[in-house]
Amino acid sequence: MEVFGVISQEELYNGISINTNFLEANVLNITLLLSGLIYVLKKFLGSILSVRQNKVLLAICESEERLEQANMRLNEAEKQLAQTQIIINQIIEEAELTAQRVRHSILEQGKSDIDKLTVSSKANIKFAETQVSLQIQQQVTALAIKKVTVQLQNQMTPSIQSKIIDQNIVQLQGKVKL
């Protein structure tokens, strides 16, 4: 502090004095320094901040434009989605109707096929019955002829045989006239 005391006395005599109060001197120095810096840097920092502000405002405007375009595309996509949903619903309805028609057609075709098979089966059964009936008649006839033949052979005597032959000759003579 001695040094400051000596300098301050000298400065007193010269007209310039040094403030020995340390805290007061720092505040004053800082204030002067800040004032100088603000004055010097005001134009430099002002122009940089102005450019930066313009860039930020331009970026905000571009972002707003992109947001607007994105919203327009979103609205268009929502419209297309709604149209697509309508088309999908129409396709589903048409598919259901087609499925019902095909189902009905298949059922009708099945009924028709069953009816044809029933008629065909009945005809086949009738034909089989007729064939069986004919075979039975033929077998009965064959058996009857066999039985009659056996009975005739058993009952046929030479006198009956000559009597039948004579009758046939007489019948032939009446038909054949010489």
N, C-alpha and C. Protein backbone atom coordinates (compact mmCIF):
# COMPACT_ATOMS: atom_id res chain seq x y z
N MET A 1 0.81 -1.18 0.00
CA MET A 1 0.00 0.00 0.00
C MET A 1 0.88 1.27 0.00
N GLU A 2 2.02 1.06 0.37
CA GLU A 2 2.96 2.15 0.35
C GLU A 2 3.18 2.67 -1.05
N VAL A 3 3.23 1.76 -1.98
CA VAL A 3 3.47 2.14 -3.36
C VAL A 3 2.32 2.99 -3.85
N PHE A 4 1.11 2.56 -3.54
CA PHE A 4 -0.06 3.32 -3.98
C PHE A 4 -0.12 4.69 -3.31
N GLY A 5 0.30 4.70 -2.10
CA GLY A 5 0.31 5.97 -1.35
C GLY A 5 1.28 6.95 -1.97
N VAL A 6 2.43 6.51 -2.42
CA VAL A 6 3.43 7.36 -3.01
C VAL A 6 2.94 7.85 -4.36
N ILE A 7 2.38 6.94 -5.13
CA ILE A 7 1.90 7.33 -6.45
C ILE A 7 0.75 8.29 -6.31
N SER A 8 -0.10 8.11 -5.35
CA SER A 8 -1.24 8.97 -5.23
C SER A 8 -0.84 10.37 -4.82
N GLN A 9 0.21 10.48 -4.02
CA GLN A 9 0.65 11.81 -3.64
C GLN A 9 1.28 12.50 -4.83
N GLU A 10 2.00 11.76 -5.63
CA GLU A 10 2.60 12.36 -6.81
C GLU A 10 1.53 12.80 -7.78
N GLU A 11 0.55 12.04 -7.92
CA GLU A 11 -0.51 12.35 -8.86
C GLU A 11 -1.31 13.55 -8.35
N LEU A 12 -1.37 13.71 -7.08
CA LEU A 12 -2.07 14.83 -6.51
C LEU A 12 -1.40 16.12 -6.94
N TYR A 13 -0.12 16.05 -6.94
CA TYR A 13 0.61 17.23 -7.32
C TYR A 13 0.52 17.47 -8.81
N ASN A 14 0.44 16.43 -9.61
CA ASN A 14 0.38 16.56 -11.05
C ASN A 14 -1.04 16.80 -11.54
N GLY A 15 -2.06 16.58 -10.83
CA GLY A 15 -3.43 16.79 -11.21
C GLY A 15 -4.18 15.50 -11.53
N ILE A 16 -3.41 14.47 -11.62
CA ILE A 16 -4.06 13.18 -11.87
C ILE A 16 -3.89 12.39 -10.60
N SER A 17 -4.97 11.77 -10.23
CA SER A 17 -4.89 10.98 -9.02
C SER A 17 -5.31 9.53 -9.29
N ILE A 18 -4.81 8.67 -8.47
CA ILE A 18 -5.16 7.25 -8.57
C ILE A 18 -6.05 6.95 -7.39
N ASN A 19 -7.09 6.27 -7.73
CA ASN A 19 -8.04 5.89 -6.70
C ASN A 19 -7.47 4.68 -5.98
N THR A 20 -7.31 4.77 -4.73
CA THR A 20 -6.73 3.70 -3.95
C THR A 20 -7.79 2.72 -3.48
N ASN A 21 -9.00 3.06 -3.61
CA ASN A 21 -10.07 2.13 -3.22
C ASN A 21 -10.19 1.09 -4.33
N PHE A 22 -9.82 -0.15 -4.00
CA PHE A 22 -9.70 -1.23 -4.99
C PHE A 22 -11.06 -1.60 -5.60
N LEU A 23 -12.08 -1.72 -4.81
CA LEU A 23 -13.39 -2.12 -5.30
C LEU A 23 -14.00 -1.04 -6.18
N GLU A 24 -13.87 0.15 -5.79
CA GLU A 24 -14.43 1.25 -6.55
C GLU A 24 -13.72 1.40 -7.89
N ALA A 25 -12.44 1.17 -7.92
CA ALA A 25 -11.66 1.30 -9.13
C ALA A 25 -12.04 0.19 -10.12
N ASN A 26 -12.26 -1.01 -9.67
CA ASN A 26 -12.64 -2.12 -10.56
C ASN A 26 -13.99 -1.88 -11.21
N VAL A 27 -14.95 -1.44 -10.50
CA VAL A 27 -16.28 -1.18 -11.03
C VAL A 27 -16.18 -0.10 -12.08
N LEU A 28 -15.42 0.94 -11.78
CA LEU A 28 -15.26 2.01 -12.73
C LEU A 28 -14.54 1.52 -13.99
N ASN A 29 -13.52 0.75 -13.82
CA ASN A 29 -12.78 0.20 -14.96
C ASN A 29 -13.67 -0.72 -15.81
N ILE A 30 -14.41 -1.56 -15.14
CA ILE A 30 -15.30 -2.49 -15.85
C ILE A 30 -16.36 -1.71 -16.61
N THR A 31 -16.91 -0.67 -16.02
CA THR A 31 -17.92 0.14 -16.67
C THR A 31 -17.34 0.82 -17.89
N LEU A 32 -16.15 1.38 -17.75
CA LEU A 32 -15.51 2.02 -18.88
C LEU A 32 -15.21 1.01 -19.99
N LEU A 33 -14.70 -0.15 -19.57
CA LEU A 33 -14.38 -1.19 -20.54
C LEU A 33 -15.64 -1.65 -21.28
N LEU A 34 -16.70 -1.88 -20.56
CA LEU A 34 -17.96 -2.30 -21.18
C LEU A 34 -18.50 -1.23 -22.11
N SER A 35 -18.45 -0.01 -21.71
CA SER A 35 -18.94 1.09 -22.55
C SER A 35 -18.15 1.14 -23.84
N GLY A 36 -16.85 0.99 -23.71
CA GLY A 36 -16.01 1.00 -24.90
C GLY A 36 -16.30 -0.19 -25.81
N LEU A 37 -16.44 -1.33 -25.19
CA LEU A 37 -16.74 -2.52 -25.99
C LEU A 37 -18.09 -2.39 -26.68
N ILE A 38 -19.07 -1.91 -25.96
CA ILE A 38 -20.40 -1.76 -26.55
C ILE A 38 -20.34 -0.78 -27.69
N TYR A 39 -19.66 0.31 -27.50
CA TYR A 39 -19.57 1.30 -28.56
C TYR A 39 -18.86 0.74 -29.79
N VAL A 40 -17.74 0.05 -29.56
CA VAL A 40 -16.95 -0.47 -30.68
C VAL A 40 -17.66 -1.64 -31.34
N LEU A 41 -18.19 -2.53 -30.53
CA LEU A 41 -18.76 -3.76 -31.08
C LEU A 41 -20.23 -3.61 -31.50
N LYS A 42 -20.83 -2.47 -31.20
CA LYS A 42 -22.24 -2.28 -31.49
C LYS A 42 -22.52 -2.46 -32.96
N LYS A 43 -21.77 -1.80 -33.81
CA LYS A 43 -22.00 -1.89 -35.24
C LYS A 43 -21.64 -3.28 -35.75
N PHE A 44 -20.52 -3.83 -35.30
CA PHE A 44 -20.08 -5.15 -35.76
C PHE A 44 -21.06 -6.24 -35.34
N LEU A 45 -21.36 -6.28 -34.04
CA LEU A 45 -22.30 -7.29 -33.53
C LEU A 45 -23.71 -7.03 -34.06
N GLY A 46 -24.06 -5.78 -34.24
CA GLY A 46 -25.39 -5.44 -34.76
C GLY A 46 -25.58 -5.99 -36.16
N SER A 47 -24.57 -5.82 -36.99
CA SER A 47 -24.70 -6.34 -38.36
C SER A 47 -24.72 -7.86 -38.36
N ILE A 48 -23.88 -8.50 -37.53
CA ILE A 48 -23.88 -9.97 -37.44
C ILE A 48 -25.23 -10.47 -36.92
N LEU A 49 -25.73 -9.82 -35.89
CA LEU A 49 -27.03 -10.23 -35.33
C LEU A 49 -28.15 -9.98 -36.34
N SER A 50 -28.05 -8.89 -37.09
CA SER A 50 -29.05 -8.60 -38.11
C SER A 50 -29.05 -9.68 -39.19
N VAL A 51 -27.84 -10.07 -39.65
CA VAL A 51 -27.73 -11.15 -40.65
C VAL A 51 -28.27 -12.44 -40.08
N ARG A 52 -27.89 -12.73 -38.86
CA ARG A 52 -28.38 -13.96 -38.21
C ARG A 52 -29.89 -13.94 -38.07
N GLN A 53 -30.44 -12.77 -37.69
CA GLN A 53 -31.89 -12.64 -37.56
C GLN A 53 -32.57 -12.87 -38.90
N ASN A 54 -32.00 -12.30 -39.96
CA ASN A 54 -32.57 -12.50 -41.30
C ASN A 54 -32.53 -13.98 -41.70
N LYS A 55 -31.41 -14.65 -41.39
CA LYS A 55 -31.30 -16.07 -41.70
C LYS A 55 -32.35 -16.88 -40.93
N VAL A 56 -32.51 -16.54 -39.66
CA VAL A 56 -33.50 -17.25 -38.84
C VAL A 56 -34.91 -17.01 -39.38
N LEU A 57 -35.21 -15.75 -39.74
CA LEU A 57 -36.54 -15.44 -40.28
C LEU A 57 -36.76 -16.16 -41.61
N LEU A 58 -35.72 -16.22 -42.45
CA LEU A 58 -35.82 -16.93 -43.72
C LEU A 58 -36.06 -18.43 -43.47
N ALA A 59 -35.34 -19.00 -42.52
CA ALA A 59 -35.52 -20.42 -42.18
C ALA A 59 -36.92 -20.68 -41.65
N ILE A 60 -37.44 -19.75 -40.86
CA ILE A 60 -38.81 -19.88 -40.34
C ILE A 60 -39.81 -19.83 -41.48
N CYS A 61 -39.60 -18.88 -42.41
CA CYS A 61 -40.51 -18.77 -43.57
C CYS A 61 -40.48 -20.05 -44.41
N GLU A 62 -39.26 -20.56 -44.65
CA GLU A 62 -39.14 -21.79 -45.43
C GLU A 62 -39.80 -22.96 -44.71
N SER A 63 -39.64 -23.02 -43.40
CA SER A 63 -40.27 -24.09 -42.62
C SER A 63 -41.79 -23.99 -42.69
N GLU A 64 -42.29 -22.75 -42.63
CA GLU A 64 -43.74 -22.55 -42.72
C GLU A 64 -44.25 -22.98 -44.10
N GLU A 65 -43.48 -22.66 -45.17
CA GLU A 65 -43.87 -23.08 -46.52
C GLU A 65 -43.87 -24.60 -46.63
N ARG A 66 -42.81 -25.23 -46.09
CA ARG A 66 -42.76 -26.69 -46.12
C ARG A 66 -43.90 -27.30 -45.32
N LEU A 67 -44.24 -26.68 -44.18
CA LEU A 67 -45.37 -27.15 -43.39
C LEU A 67 -46.66 -27.03 -44.17
N GLU A 68 -46.82 -25.90 -44.86
CA GLU A 68 -48.01 -25.69 -45.68
C GLU A 68 -48.10 -26.75 -46.78
N GLN A 69 -46.97 -27.00 -47.46
CA GLN A 69 -46.94 -28.01 -48.53
C GLN A 69 -47.22 -29.40 -47.96
N ALA A 70 -46.64 -29.68 -46.80
CA ALA A 70 -46.87 -30.98 -46.17
C ALA A 70 -48.34 -31.14 -45.80
N ASN A 71 -48.95 -30.07 -45.32
CA ASN A 71 -50.38 -30.12 -44.98
C ASN A 71 -51.23 -30.34 -46.24
N MET A 72 -50.82 -29.67 -47.34
CA MET A 72 -51.55 -29.86 -48.60
C MET A 72 -51.42 -31.31 -49.07
N ARG A 73 -50.20 -31.87 -48.99
CA ARG A 73 -50.00 -33.26 -49.39
C ARG A 73 -50.77 -34.21 -48.47
N LEU A 74 -50.79 -33.87 -47.18
CA LEU A 74 -51.55 -34.69 -46.23
C LEU A 74 -53.03 -34.66 -46.57
N ASN A 75 -53.57 -33.48 -46.89
CA ASN A 75 -54.99 -33.38 -47.26
C ASN A 75 -55.27 -34.18 -48.53
N GLU A 76 -54.36 -34.08 -49.51
CA GLU A 76 -54.53 -34.83 -50.76
C GLU A 76 -54.47 -36.33 -50.49
N ALA A 77 -53.53 -36.74 -49.63
CA ALA A 77 -53.41 -38.16 -49.29
C ALA A 77 -54.66 -38.65 -48.56
N GLU A 78 -55.22 -37.80 -47.69
CA GLU A 78 -56.45 -38.18 -46.97
C GLU A 78 -57.62 -38.32 -47.95
N LYS A 79 -57.69 -37.42 -48.95
CA LYS A 79 -58.73 -37.54 -49.97
C LYS A 79 -58.56 -38.84 -50.76
N GLN A 80 -57.31 -39.13 -51.14
CA GLN A 80 -57.06 -40.37 -51.89
C GLN A 80 -57.38 -41.58 -51.04
N LEU A 81 -57.06 -41.51 -49.75
CA LEU A 81 -57.38 -42.61 -48.84
C LEU A 81 -58.89 -42.81 -48.77
N ALA A 82 -59.64 -41.71 -48.67
CA ALA A 82 -61.09 -41.81 -48.61
C ALA A 82 -61.63 -42.42 -49.90
N GLN A 83 -61.10 -41.98 -51.05
CA GLN A 83 -61.54 -42.54 -52.33
C GLN A 83 -61.18 -44.02 -52.43
N THR A 84 -59.98 -44.34 -51.98
CA THR A 84 -59.54 -45.74 -51.99
C THR A 84 -60.43 -46.59 -51.09
N GLN A 85 -60.80 -46.05 -49.94
CA GLN A 85 -61.67 -46.79 -49.02
C GLN A 85 -63.03 -47.02 -49.66
N ILE A 86 -63.55 -46.03 -50.38
CA ILE A 86 -64.83 -46.19 -51.07
C ILE A 86 -64.72 -47.29 -52.12
N ILE A 87 -63.62 -47.27 -52.88
CA ILE A 87 -63.41 -48.29 -53.91
C ILE A 87 -63.28 -49.67 -53.27
N ILE A 88 -62.54 -49.74 -52.17
CA ILE A 88 -62.38 -51.02 -51.48
C ILE A 88 -63.74 -51.54 -51.00
N ASN A 89 -64.56 -50.65 -50.45
CA ASN A 89 -65.89 -51.07 -49.99
C ASN A 89 -66.73 -51.56 -51.16
N GLN A 90 -66.64 -50.89 -52.31
CA GLN A 90 -67.39 -51.33 -53.49
C GLN A 90 -66.90 -52.70 -53.94
N ILE A 91 -65.58 -52.88 -53.94
CA ILE A 91 -65.03 -54.18 -54.35
C ILE A 91 -65.49 -55.27 -53.40
N ILE A 92 -65.50 -54.99 -52.10
CA ILE A 92 -65.94 -55.98 -51.12
C ILE A 92 -67.41 -56.33 -51.35
N GLU A 93 -68.24 -55.31 -51.60
CA GLU A 93 -69.67 -55.57 -51.85
C GLU A 93 -69.84 -56.42 -53.11
N GLU A 94 -69.11 -56.05 -54.17
CA GLU A 94 -69.21 -56.82 -55.42
C GLU A 94 -68.72 -58.25 -55.21
N ALA A 95 -67.66 -58.41 -54.44
CA ALA A 95 -67.14 -59.76 -54.17
C ALA A 95 -68.16 -60.58 -53.39
N GLU A 96 -68.82 -59.95 -52.43
CA GLU A 96 -69.84 -60.66 -51.66
C GLU A 96 -71.01 -61.06 -52.56
N LEU A 97 -71.44 -60.14 -53.42
CA LEU A 97 -72.54 -60.46 -54.34
C LEU A 97 -72.13 -61.57 -55.30
N THR A 98 -70.92 -61.48 -55.81
CA THR A 98 -70.42 -62.52 -56.72
C THR A 98 -70.34 -63.86 -55.99
N ALA A 99 -69.87 -63.83 -54.76
CA ALA A 99 -69.78 -65.07 -53.98
C ALA A 99 -71.17 -65.66 -53.76
N GLN A 100 -72.15 -64.81 -53.49
CA GLN A 100 -73.52 -65.30 -53.30
C GLN A 100 -74.05 -65.88 -54.61
N ARG A 101 -73.78 -65.20 -55.73
CA ARG A 101 -74.25 -65.71 -57.03
C ARG A 101 -73.60 -67.05 -57.35
N VAL A 102 -72.30 -67.12 -57.12
CA VAL A 102 -71.58 -68.37 -57.40
C VAL A 102 -72.10 -69.48 -56.49
N ARG A 103 -72.31 -69.16 -55.23
CA ARG A 103 -72.84 -70.16 -54.29
C ARG A 103 -74.21 -70.64 -54.75
N HIS A 104 -75.06 -69.69 -55.12
CA HIS A 104 -76.40 -70.04 -55.59
C HIS A 104 -76.30 -70.89 -56.86
N SER A 105 -75.42 -70.48 -57.76
CA SER A 105 -75.24 -71.23 -59.02
C SER A 105 -74.75 -72.64 -58.75
N ILE A 106 -73.80 -72.76 -57.83
CA ILE A 106 -73.27 -74.09 -57.49
C ILE A 106 -74.37 -74.94 -56.86
N LEU A 107 -75.17 -74.34 -55.98
CA LEU A 107 -76.27 -75.09 -55.36
C LEU A 107 -77.29 -75.53 -56.41
N GLU A 108 -77.61 -74.62 -57.33
CA GLU A 108 -78.56 -74.96 -58.40
C GLU A 108 -77.99 -76.07 -59.29
N GLN A 109 -76.71 -75.95 -59.63
CA GLN A 109 -76.06 -76.97 -60.46
C GLN A 109 -76.05 -78.30 -59.72
N GLY A 110 -75.80 -78.25 -58.41
CA GLY A 110 -75.81 -79.47 -57.60
C GLY A 110 -77.19 -80.11 -57.59
N LYS A 111 -78.22 -79.27 -57.42
CA LYS A 111 -79.59 -79.80 -57.44
C LYS A 111 -79.90 -80.42 -58.79
N SER A 112 -79.49 -79.71 -59.84
CA SER A 112 -79.72 -80.22 -61.20
C SER A 112 -79.01 -81.56 -61.39
N ASP A 113 -77.76 -81.63 -60.94
CA ASP A 113 -77.00 -82.88 -61.07
C ASP A 113 -77.65 -84.00 -60.26
N ILE A 114 -78.14 -83.67 -59.08
CA ILE A 114 -78.82 -84.67 -58.25
C ILE A 114 -80.08 -85.16 -58.96
N ASP A 115 -80.85 -84.20 -59.53
CA ASP A 115 -82.06 -84.58 -60.25
C ASP A 115 -81.72 -85.50 -61.43
N LYS A 116 -80.67 -85.14 -62.18
CA LYS A 116 -80.26 -85.97 -63.32
C LYS A 116 -79.84 -87.36 -62.85
N LEU A 117 -79.07 -87.39 -61.76
CA LEU A 117 -78.64 -88.69 -61.23
C LEU A 117 -79.83 -89.51 -60.75
N THR A 118 -80.81 -88.83 -60.14
CA THR A 118 -82.01 -89.53 -59.66
C THR A 118 -82.77 -90.12 -60.84
N VAL A 119 -82.97 -89.32 -61.89
CA VAL A 119 -83.69 -89.80 -63.08
C VAL A 119 -82.91 -90.94 -63.72
N SER A 120 -81.60 -90.77 -63.83
CA SER A 120 -80.76 -91.80 -64.43
C SER A 120 -80.80 -93.08 -63.59
N SER A 121 -80.74 -92.93 -62.29
CA SER A 121 -80.80 -94.09 -61.40
C SER A 121 -82.14 -94.80 -61.52
N LYS A 122 -83.21 -94.02 -61.58
CA LYS A 122 -84.54 -94.63 -61.72
C LYS A 122 -84.63 -95.38 -63.05
N ALA A 123 -84.09 -94.79 -64.11
CA ALA A 123 -84.11 -95.45 -65.42
C ALA A 123 -83.27 -96.72 -65.38
N ASN A 124 -82.12 -96.65 -64.74
CA ASN A 124 -81.27 -97.83 -64.63
C ASN A 124 -81.95 -98.93 -63.82
N ILE A 125 -82.62 -98.52 -62.75
CA ILE A 125 -83.36 -99.50 -61.93
C ILE A 125 -84.49 -100.11 -62.73
N LYS A 126 -85.22 -99.28 -63.47
CA LYS A 126 -86.33 -99.79 -64.30
C LYS A 126 -85.80 -100.77 -65.35
N PHE A 127 -84.68 -100.38 -66.00
CA PHE A 127 -84.08 -101.26 -67.00
C PHE A 127 -83.64 -102.57 -66.37
N ALA A 128 -83.02 -102.49 -65.19
CA ALA A 128 -82.57 -103.70 -64.50
C ALA A 128 -83.76 -104.57 -64.12
N GLU A 129 -84.84 -103.94 -63.67
CA GLU A 129 -86.06 -104.70 -63.33
C GLU A 129 -86.60 -105.40 -64.57
N THR A 130 -86.62 -104.69 -65.69
CA THR A 130 -87.12 -105.28 -66.94
C THR A 130 -86.23 -106.45 -67.35
N GLN A 131 -84.93 -106.29 -67.26
CA GLN A 131 -83.99 -107.35 -67.61
C GLN A 131 -84.18 -108.56 -66.71
N VAL A 132 -84.32 -108.29 -65.41
CA VAL A 132 -84.52 -109.39 -64.45
C VAL A 132 -85.84 -110.09 -64.75
N SER A 133 -86.88 -109.29 -65.04
CA SER A 133 -88.20 -109.87 -65.35
C SER A 133 -88.12 -110.75 -66.60
N LEU A 134 -87.42 -110.26 -67.65
CA LEU A 134 -87.26 -111.04 -68.87
C LEU A 134 -86.48 -112.33 -68.61
N GLN A 135 -85.44 -112.23 -67.84
CA GLN A 135 -84.66 -113.42 -67.52
C GLN A 135 -85.49 -114.42 -66.75
N ILE A 136 -86.27 -113.91 -65.79
CA ILE A 136 -87.14 -114.81 -65.02
C ILE A 136 -88.15 -115.48 -65.94
N GLN A 137 -88.75 -114.68 -66.85
CA GLN A 137 -89.73 -115.25 -67.80
C GLN A 137 -89.07 -116.31 -68.67
N GLN A 138 -87.87 -116.01 -69.15
CA GLN A 138 -87.17 -116.98 -70.01
C GLN A 138 -86.85 -118.25 -69.22
N GLN A 139 -86.42 -118.09 -67.99
CA GLN A 139 -86.11 -119.26 -67.19
C GLN A 139 -87.37 -120.06 -66.87
N VAL A 140 -88.45 -119.34 -66.54
CA VAL A 140 -89.72 -120.04 -66.26
C VAL A 140 -90.20 -120.75 -67.51
N THR A 141 -90.10 -120.07 -68.66
CA THR A 141 -90.52 -120.68 -69.92
C THR A 141 -89.65 -121.91 -70.22
N ALA A 142 -88.35 -121.75 -70.04
CA ALA A 142 -87.44 -122.87 -70.30
C ALA A 142 -87.75 -124.04 -69.37
N LEU A 143 -87.98 -123.68 -68.11
CA LEU A 143 -88.33 -124.75 -67.16
C LEU A 143 -89.67 -125.41 -67.51
N ALA A 144 -90.64 -124.59 -67.92
CA ALA A 144 -91.96 -125.14 -68.28
C ALA A 144 -91.84 -126.05 -69.50
N ILE A 145 -91.06 -125.58 -70.50
CA ILE A 145 -90.87 -126.40 -71.72
C ILE A 145 -90.17 -127.70 -71.34
N LYS A 146 -89.19 -127.59 -70.50
CA LYS A 146 -88.46 -128.78 -70.07
C LYS A 146 -89.39 -129.74 -69.35
N LYS A 147 -90.21 -129.17 -68.47
CA LYS A 147 -91.14 -129.99 -67.70
C LYS A 147 -92.16 -130.65 -68.62
N VAL A 148 -92.68 -129.86 -69.57
CA VAL A 148 -93.67 -130.41 -70.51
C VAL A 148 -93.00 -131.48 -71.37
N THR A 149 -91.77 -131.19 -71.79
CA THR A 149 -91.05 -132.18 -72.61
C THR A 149 -90.85 -133.47 -71.82
N VAL A 150 -90.45 -133.33 -70.59
CA VAL A 150 -90.25 -134.53 -69.75
C VAL A 150 -91.58 -135.26 -69.58
N GLN A 151 -92.64 -134.48 -69.33
CA GLN A 151 -93.95 -135.13 -69.14
C GLN A 151 -94.41 -135.80 -70.43
N LEU A 152 -94.18 -135.15 -71.55
CA LEU A 152 -94.58 -135.73 -72.83
C LEU A 152 -93.79 -137.00 -73.11
N GLN A 153 -92.53 -136.92 -72.82
CA GLN A 153 -91.71 -138.10 -73.06
C GLN A 153 -92.16 -139.25 -72.17
N ASN A 154 -92.55 -138.89 -70.97
CA ASN A 154 -93.02 -139.94 -70.06
C ASN A 154 -94.41 -140.46 -70.48
N GLN A 155 -95.25 -139.62 -70.99
CA GLN A 155 -96.60 -140.02 -71.34
C GLN A 155 -96.71 -140.50 -72.79
N MET A 156 -95.73 -140.21 -73.55
CA MET A 156 -95.80 -140.56 -74.98
C MET A 156 -95.56 -142.08 -75.13
N THR A 157 -96.53 -142.64 -75.71
CA THR A 157 -96.43 -144.08 -76.01
C THR A 157 -96.40 -144.21 -77.52
N PRO A 158 -95.99 -145.36 -78.03
CA PRO A 158 -95.95 -145.51 -79.47
C PRO A 158 -97.32 -145.34 -80.11
N SER A 159 -98.38 -145.72 -79.49
CA SER A 159 -99.71 -145.58 -80.10
C SER A 159 -100.11 -144.12 -80.15
N ILE A 160 -99.79 -143.32 -79.14
CA ILE A 160 -100.13 -141.89 -79.13
C ILE A 160 -99.28 -141.19 -80.17
N GLN A 161 -98.06 -141.62 -80.29
CA GLN A 161 -97.15 -141.03 -81.24
C GLN A 161 -97.65 -141.28 -82.66
N SER A 162 -98.09 -142.46 -82.99
CA SER A 162 -98.57 -142.73 -84.34
C SER A 162 -99.88 -142.02 -84.57
N LYS A 163 -100.69 -141.86 -83.58
CA LYS A 163 -101.95 -141.13 -83.72
C LYS A 163 -101.65 -139.67 -84.05
N ILE A 164 -100.68 -139.01 -83.41
CA ILE A 164 -100.30 -137.62 -83.65
C ILE A 164 -99.74 -137.48 -85.05
N ILE A 165 -98.93 -138.44 -85.45
CA ILE A 165 -98.35 -138.40 -86.79
C ILE A 165 -99.44 -138.50 -87.84
N ASP A 166 -100.40 -139.38 -87.64
CA ASP A 166 -101.50 -139.54 -88.59
C ASP A 166 -102.31 -138.25 -88.67
N GLN A 167 -102.56 -137.61 -87.58
CA GLN A 167 -103.34 -136.37 -87.58
C GLN A 167 -102.59 -135.28 -88.34
N ASN A 168 -101.32 -135.21 -88.17
CA ASN A 168 -100.53 -134.19 -88.86
C ASN A 168 -100.49 -134.45 -90.36
N ILE A 169 -100.47 -135.72 -90.74
CA ILE A 169 -100.48 -136.07 -92.16
C ILE A 169 -101.80 -135.67 -92.76
N VAL A 170 -102.87 -135.91 -92.08
CA VAL A 170 -104.20 -135.57 -92.59
C VAL A 170 -104.30 -134.06 -92.73
N GLN A 171 -103.79 -133.34 -91.80
CA GLN A 171 -103.85 -131.88 -91.88
C GLN A 171 -103.01 -131.38 -93.04
N LEU A 172 -101.89 -132.00 -93.27
CA LEU A 172 -101.02 -131.57 -94.37
C LEU A 172 -101.65 -131.92 -95.71
N GLN A 173 -102.37 -133.02 -95.80
CA GLN A 173 -103.00 -133.43 -97.07
C GLN A 173 -104.11 -132.44 -97.40
N GLY A 174 -104.78 -131.96 -96.42
CA GLY A 174 -105.88 -131.03 -96.70
C GLY A 174 -105.34 -129.70 -97.17
N LYS A 175 -104.16 -129.33 -96.76
CA LYS A 175 -103.58 -128.07 -97.14
C LYS A 175 -102.85 -128.20 -98.45
N VAL A 176 -102.27 -129.34 -98.67
CA VAL A 176 -101.55 -129.54 -99.90
C VAL A 176 -102.44 -130.38 -100.81
N LYS A 177 -102.89 -129.90 -101.88
CA LYS A 177 -103.75 -130.63 -102.79
C LYS A 177 -102.95 -130.92 -104.01
N LEU A 178 -102.90 -132.06 -104.34
CA LEU A 178 -102.15 -132.49 -105.49
C LEU A 178 -102.94 -132.39 -106.68
